Amino acid sequence: NSQKELYYSLLPVFNVKKRLLGITDYSNITNEDIWKYLASNKWKYSHNLTISDIVNDIILIDAKEIINYKGRIQ
């Protein structure tokens, strides 16, 4: 439940990332794609993550990494 609350509290950050992705023709990447990629690859073994760490990861994630991840899980 707390992960769901965290996800929803980060929606403004996802909106910023989506705008940035739209500029680079990666507008087909969803908030959930970003969340799932980071949760399973970046945050899986992380401890004591702060909100600023999470926000930074969302903003800085490379769209190509997410696309590659989506291709592997489908």
N, C-alpha and C. Protein backbone atom coordinates (compact mmCIF):
# COMPACT_ATOMS: atom_id res chain seq x y z
N ASN A 1 0.82 -1.20 0.00
CA ASN A 1 0.00 0.00 0.00
C ASN A 1 0.87 1.26 0.00
N SER A 2 1.94 1.25 0.75
CA SER A 2 2.80 2.42 0.80
C SER A 2 3.50 2.67 -0.54
N GLN A 3 3.80 1.58 -1.28
CA GLN A 3 4.39 1.77 -2.61
C GLN A 3 3.41 2.45 -3.54
N LYS A 4 2.15 2.08 -3.43
CA LYS A 4 1.12 2.69 -4.26
C LYS A 4 0.98 4.18 -3.92
N GLU A 5 1.01 4.50 -2.64
CA GLU A 5 0.94 5.90 -2.21
C GLU A 5 2.15 6.68 -2.71
N LEU A 6 3.33 6.06 -2.64
CA LEU A 6 4.54 6.71 -3.13
C LEU A 6 4.43 6.97 -4.63
N TYR A 7 3.98 5.96 -5.36
CA TYR A 7 3.79 6.10 -6.81
C TYR A 7 2.89 7.29 -7.12
N TYR A 8 1.76 7.38 -6.46
CA TYR A 8 0.82 8.47 -6.73
C TYR A 8 1.38 9.83 -6.30
N SER A 9 2.17 9.85 -5.27
CA SER A 9 2.76 11.13 -4.84
C SER A 9 3.83 11.60 -5.83
N LEU A 10 4.35 10.67 -6.63
CA LEU A 10 5.38 11.02 -7.61
C LEU A 10 4.82 11.34 -8.99
N LEU A 11 3.52 11.36 -9.15
CA LEU A 11 2.93 11.64 -10.46
C LEU A 11 3.41 12.96 -11.07
N PRO A 12 3.58 14.03 -10.31
CA PRO A 12 4.12 15.26 -10.93
C PRO A 12 5.52 15.06 -11.51
N VAL A 13 6.33 14.24 -10.88
CA VAL A 13 7.68 13.95 -11.39
C VAL A 13 7.58 13.14 -12.68
N PHE A 14 6.68 12.16 -12.70
CA PHE A 14 6.48 11.39 -13.92
C PHE A 14 6.00 12.29 -15.05
N ASN A 15 5.15 13.25 -14.74
CA ASN A 15 4.67 14.17 -15.77
C ASN A 15 5.81 14.98 -16.38
N VAL A 16 6.74 15.41 -15.55
CA VAL A 16 7.92 16.13 -16.06
C VAL A 16 8.72 15.21 -16.97
N LYS A 17 8.96 13.98 -16.52
CA LYS A 17 9.73 13.03 -17.33
C LYS A 17 9.03 12.74 -18.64
N LYS A 18 7.71 12.60 -18.59
CA LYS A 18 6.95 12.34 -19.82
C LYS A 18 7.11 13.50 -20.81
N ARG A 19 7.11 14.73 -20.31
CA ARG A 19 7.32 15.88 -21.20
C ARG A 19 8.72 15.83 -21.81
N LEU A 20 9.70 15.48 -21.01
CA LEU A 20 11.07 15.36 -21.52
C LEU A 20 11.18 14.24 -22.56
N LEU A 21 10.50 13.14 -22.31
CA LEU A 21 10.52 12.02 -23.26
C LEU A 21 9.80 12.39 -24.55
N GLY A 22 8.75 13.18 -24.45
CA GLY A 22 8.02 13.62 -25.64
C GLY A 22 8.89 14.42 -26.58
N ILE A 23 9.82 15.16 -26.02
CA ILE A 23 10.75 15.96 -26.82
C ILE A 23 11.66 15.04 -27.63
N THR A 24 11.97 13.87 -27.09
CA THR A 24 12.92 12.96 -27.74
C THR A 24 12.23 11.78 -28.44
N ASP A 25 10.97 11.91 -28.75
CA ASP A 25 10.22 10.88 -29.48
C ASP A 25 10.06 9.56 -28.73
N TYR A 26 10.09 9.59 -27.42
CA TYR A 26 9.84 8.40 -26.62
C TYR A 26 8.53 8.56 -25.84
N SER A 27 7.56 9.16 -26.46
CA SER A 27 6.30 9.44 -25.78
C SER A 27 5.49 8.17 -25.49
N ASN A 28 5.89 7.02 -26.05
CA ASN A 28 5.17 5.78 -25.79
C ASN A 28 5.56 5.12 -24.47
N ILE A 29 6.51 5.69 -23.77
CA ILE A 29 6.90 5.18 -22.45
C ILE A 29 5.92 5.71 -21.41
N THR A 30 5.38 4.82 -20.61
CA THR A 30 4.39 5.22 -19.61
C THR A 30 5.04 5.40 -18.23
N ASN A 31 4.28 6.01 -17.33
CA ASN A 31 4.74 6.14 -15.94
C ASN A 31 5.04 4.77 -15.36
N GLU A 32 4.17 3.81 -15.64
CA GLU A 32 4.36 2.46 -15.11
C GLU A 32 5.61 1.81 -15.67
N ASP A 33 5.93 2.08 -16.93
CA ASP A 33 7.17 1.54 -17.51
C ASP A 33 8.38 2.05 -16.73
N ILE A 34 8.39 3.33 -16.45
CA ILE A 34 9.49 3.94 -15.71
C ILE A 34 9.56 3.34 -14.31
N TRP A 35 8.42 3.28 -13.65
CA TRP A 35 8.35 2.76 -12.27
C TRP A 35 8.84 1.31 -12.22
N LYS A 36 8.32 0.46 -13.11
CA LYS A 36 8.69 -0.95 -13.11
C LYS A 36 10.17 -1.15 -13.40
N TYR A 37 10.70 -0.38 -14.36
CA TYR A 37 12.12 -0.51 -14.68
C TYR A 37 12.97 -0.15 -13.47
N LEU A 38 12.70 1.00 -12.88
CA LEU A 38 13.51 1.44 -11.75
C LEU A 38 13.35 0.50 -10.55
N ALA A 39 12.14 0.05 -10.29
CA ALA A 39 11.89 -0.84 -9.16
C ALA A 39 12.62 -2.16 -9.31
N SER A 40 12.67 -2.69 -10.52
CA SER A 40 13.30 -4.00 -10.70
C SER A 40 14.78 -3.93 -11.02
N ASN A 41 15.28 -2.79 -11.44
CA ASN A 41 16.69 -2.69 -11.81
C ASN A 41 17.52 -1.77 -10.92
N LYS A 42 16.98 -0.65 -10.57
CA LYS A 42 17.76 0.34 -9.82
C LYS A 42 17.50 0.26 -8.32
N TRP A 43 16.25 0.08 -7.93
CA TRP A 43 15.89 0.16 -6.52
C TRP A 43 15.78 -1.19 -5.83
N LYS A 44 15.84 -2.27 -6.57
CA LYS A 44 15.58 -3.60 -6.01
C LYS A 44 16.44 -3.90 -4.78
N TYR A 45 17.69 -3.56 -4.84
CA TYR A 45 18.59 -3.87 -3.73
C TYR A 45 19.05 -2.62 -2.99
N SER A 46 18.40 -1.51 -3.25
CA SER A 46 18.76 -0.25 -2.58
C SER A 46 18.09 -0.18 -1.22
N HIS A 47 18.77 0.46 -0.30
CA HIS A 47 18.23 0.65 1.05
C HIS A 47 18.28 2.13 1.38
N ASN A 48 17.34 2.57 2.19
CA ASN A 48 17.30 3.95 2.67
C ASN A 48 17.24 4.98 1.54
N LEU A 49 16.47 4.67 0.51
CA LEU A 49 16.28 5.64 -0.57
C LEU A 49 15.50 6.84 -0.05
N THR A 50 15.93 8.01 -0.44
CA THR A 50 15.19 9.22 -0.09
C THR A 50 14.30 9.61 -1.27
N ILE A 51 13.36 10.47 -1.01
CA ILE A 51 12.50 10.97 -2.09
C ILE A 51 13.36 11.65 -3.15
N SER A 52 14.37 12.39 -2.73
CA SER A 52 15.22 13.07 -3.72
C SER A 52 15.98 12.06 -4.57
N ASP A 53 16.39 10.93 -4.01
CA ASP A 53 17.04 9.87 -4.80
C ASP A 53 16.08 9.34 -5.86
N ILE A 54 14.86 9.09 -5.44
CA ILE A 54 13.85 8.53 -6.35
C ILE A 54 13.52 9.52 -7.46
N VAL A 55 13.31 10.77 -7.09
CA VAL A 55 13.02 11.81 -8.08
C VAL A 55 14.17 11.93 -9.07
N ASN A 56 15.39 11.95 -8.56
CA ASN A 56 16.57 12.05 -9.41
C ASN A 56 16.64 10.87 -10.38
N ASP A 57 16.38 9.67 -9.90
CA ASP A 57 16.39 8.49 -10.77
C ASP A 57 15.35 8.59 -11.87
N ILE A 58 14.16 9.04 -11.53
CA ILE A 58 13.09 9.17 -12.52
C ILE A 58 13.49 10.17 -13.60
N ILE A 59 13.99 11.30 -13.20
CA ILE A 59 14.34 12.35 -14.17
C ILE A 59 15.52 11.95 -15.03
N LEU A 60 16.49 11.27 -14.46
CA LEU A 60 17.74 10.98 -15.18
C LEU A 60 17.75 9.66 -15.95
N ILE A 61 16.76 8.80 -15.77
CA ILE A 61 16.76 7.52 -16.45
C ILE A 61 16.77 7.70 -17.96
N ASP A 62 17.59 6.92 -18.62
CA ASP A 62 17.71 6.97 -20.08
C ASP A 62 16.55 6.19 -20.71
N ALA A 63 15.87 6.83 -21.63
CA ALA A 63 14.72 6.21 -22.28
C ALA A 63 15.08 4.90 -22.97
N LYS A 64 16.28 4.80 -23.52
CA LYS A 64 16.70 3.58 -24.22
C LYS A 64 16.76 2.39 -23.26
N GLU A 65 17.14 2.64 -22.02
CA GLU A 65 17.16 1.56 -21.02
C GLU A 65 15.76 1.02 -20.77
N ILE A 66 14.80 1.93 -20.70
CA ILE A 66 13.41 1.53 -20.48
C ILE A 66 12.88 0.75 -21.68
N ILE A 67 13.17 1.21 -22.87
CA ILE A 67 12.73 0.52 -24.09
C ILE A 67 13.32 -0.88 -24.14
N ASN A 68 14.62 -1.02 -23.84
CA ASN A 68 15.25 -2.34 -23.80
C ASN A 68 14.59 -3.24 -22.76
N TYR A 69 14.29 -2.69 -21.60
CA TYR A 69 13.63 -3.44 -20.53
C TYR A 69 12.25 -3.90 -20.98
N LYS A 70 11.49 -3.01 -21.59
CA LYS A 70 10.15 -3.38 -22.08
C LYS A 70 10.24 -4.51 -23.09
N GLY A 71 11.25 -4.48 -23.94
CA GLY A 71 11.44 -5.54 -24.93
C GLY A 71 11.76 -6.89 -24.30
N ARG A 72 12.47 -6.87 -23.18
CA ARG A 72 12.84 -8.12 -22.50
C ARG A 72 11.68 -8.73 -21.75
N ILE A 73 10.77 -7.91 -21.22
CA ILE A 73 9.68 -8.48 -20.40
C ILE A 73 8.44 -8.83 -21.21
N GLN A 74 8.38 -8.43 -22.44
CA GLN A 74 7.18 -8.72 -23.26
C GLN A 74 7.30 -10.02 -23.99
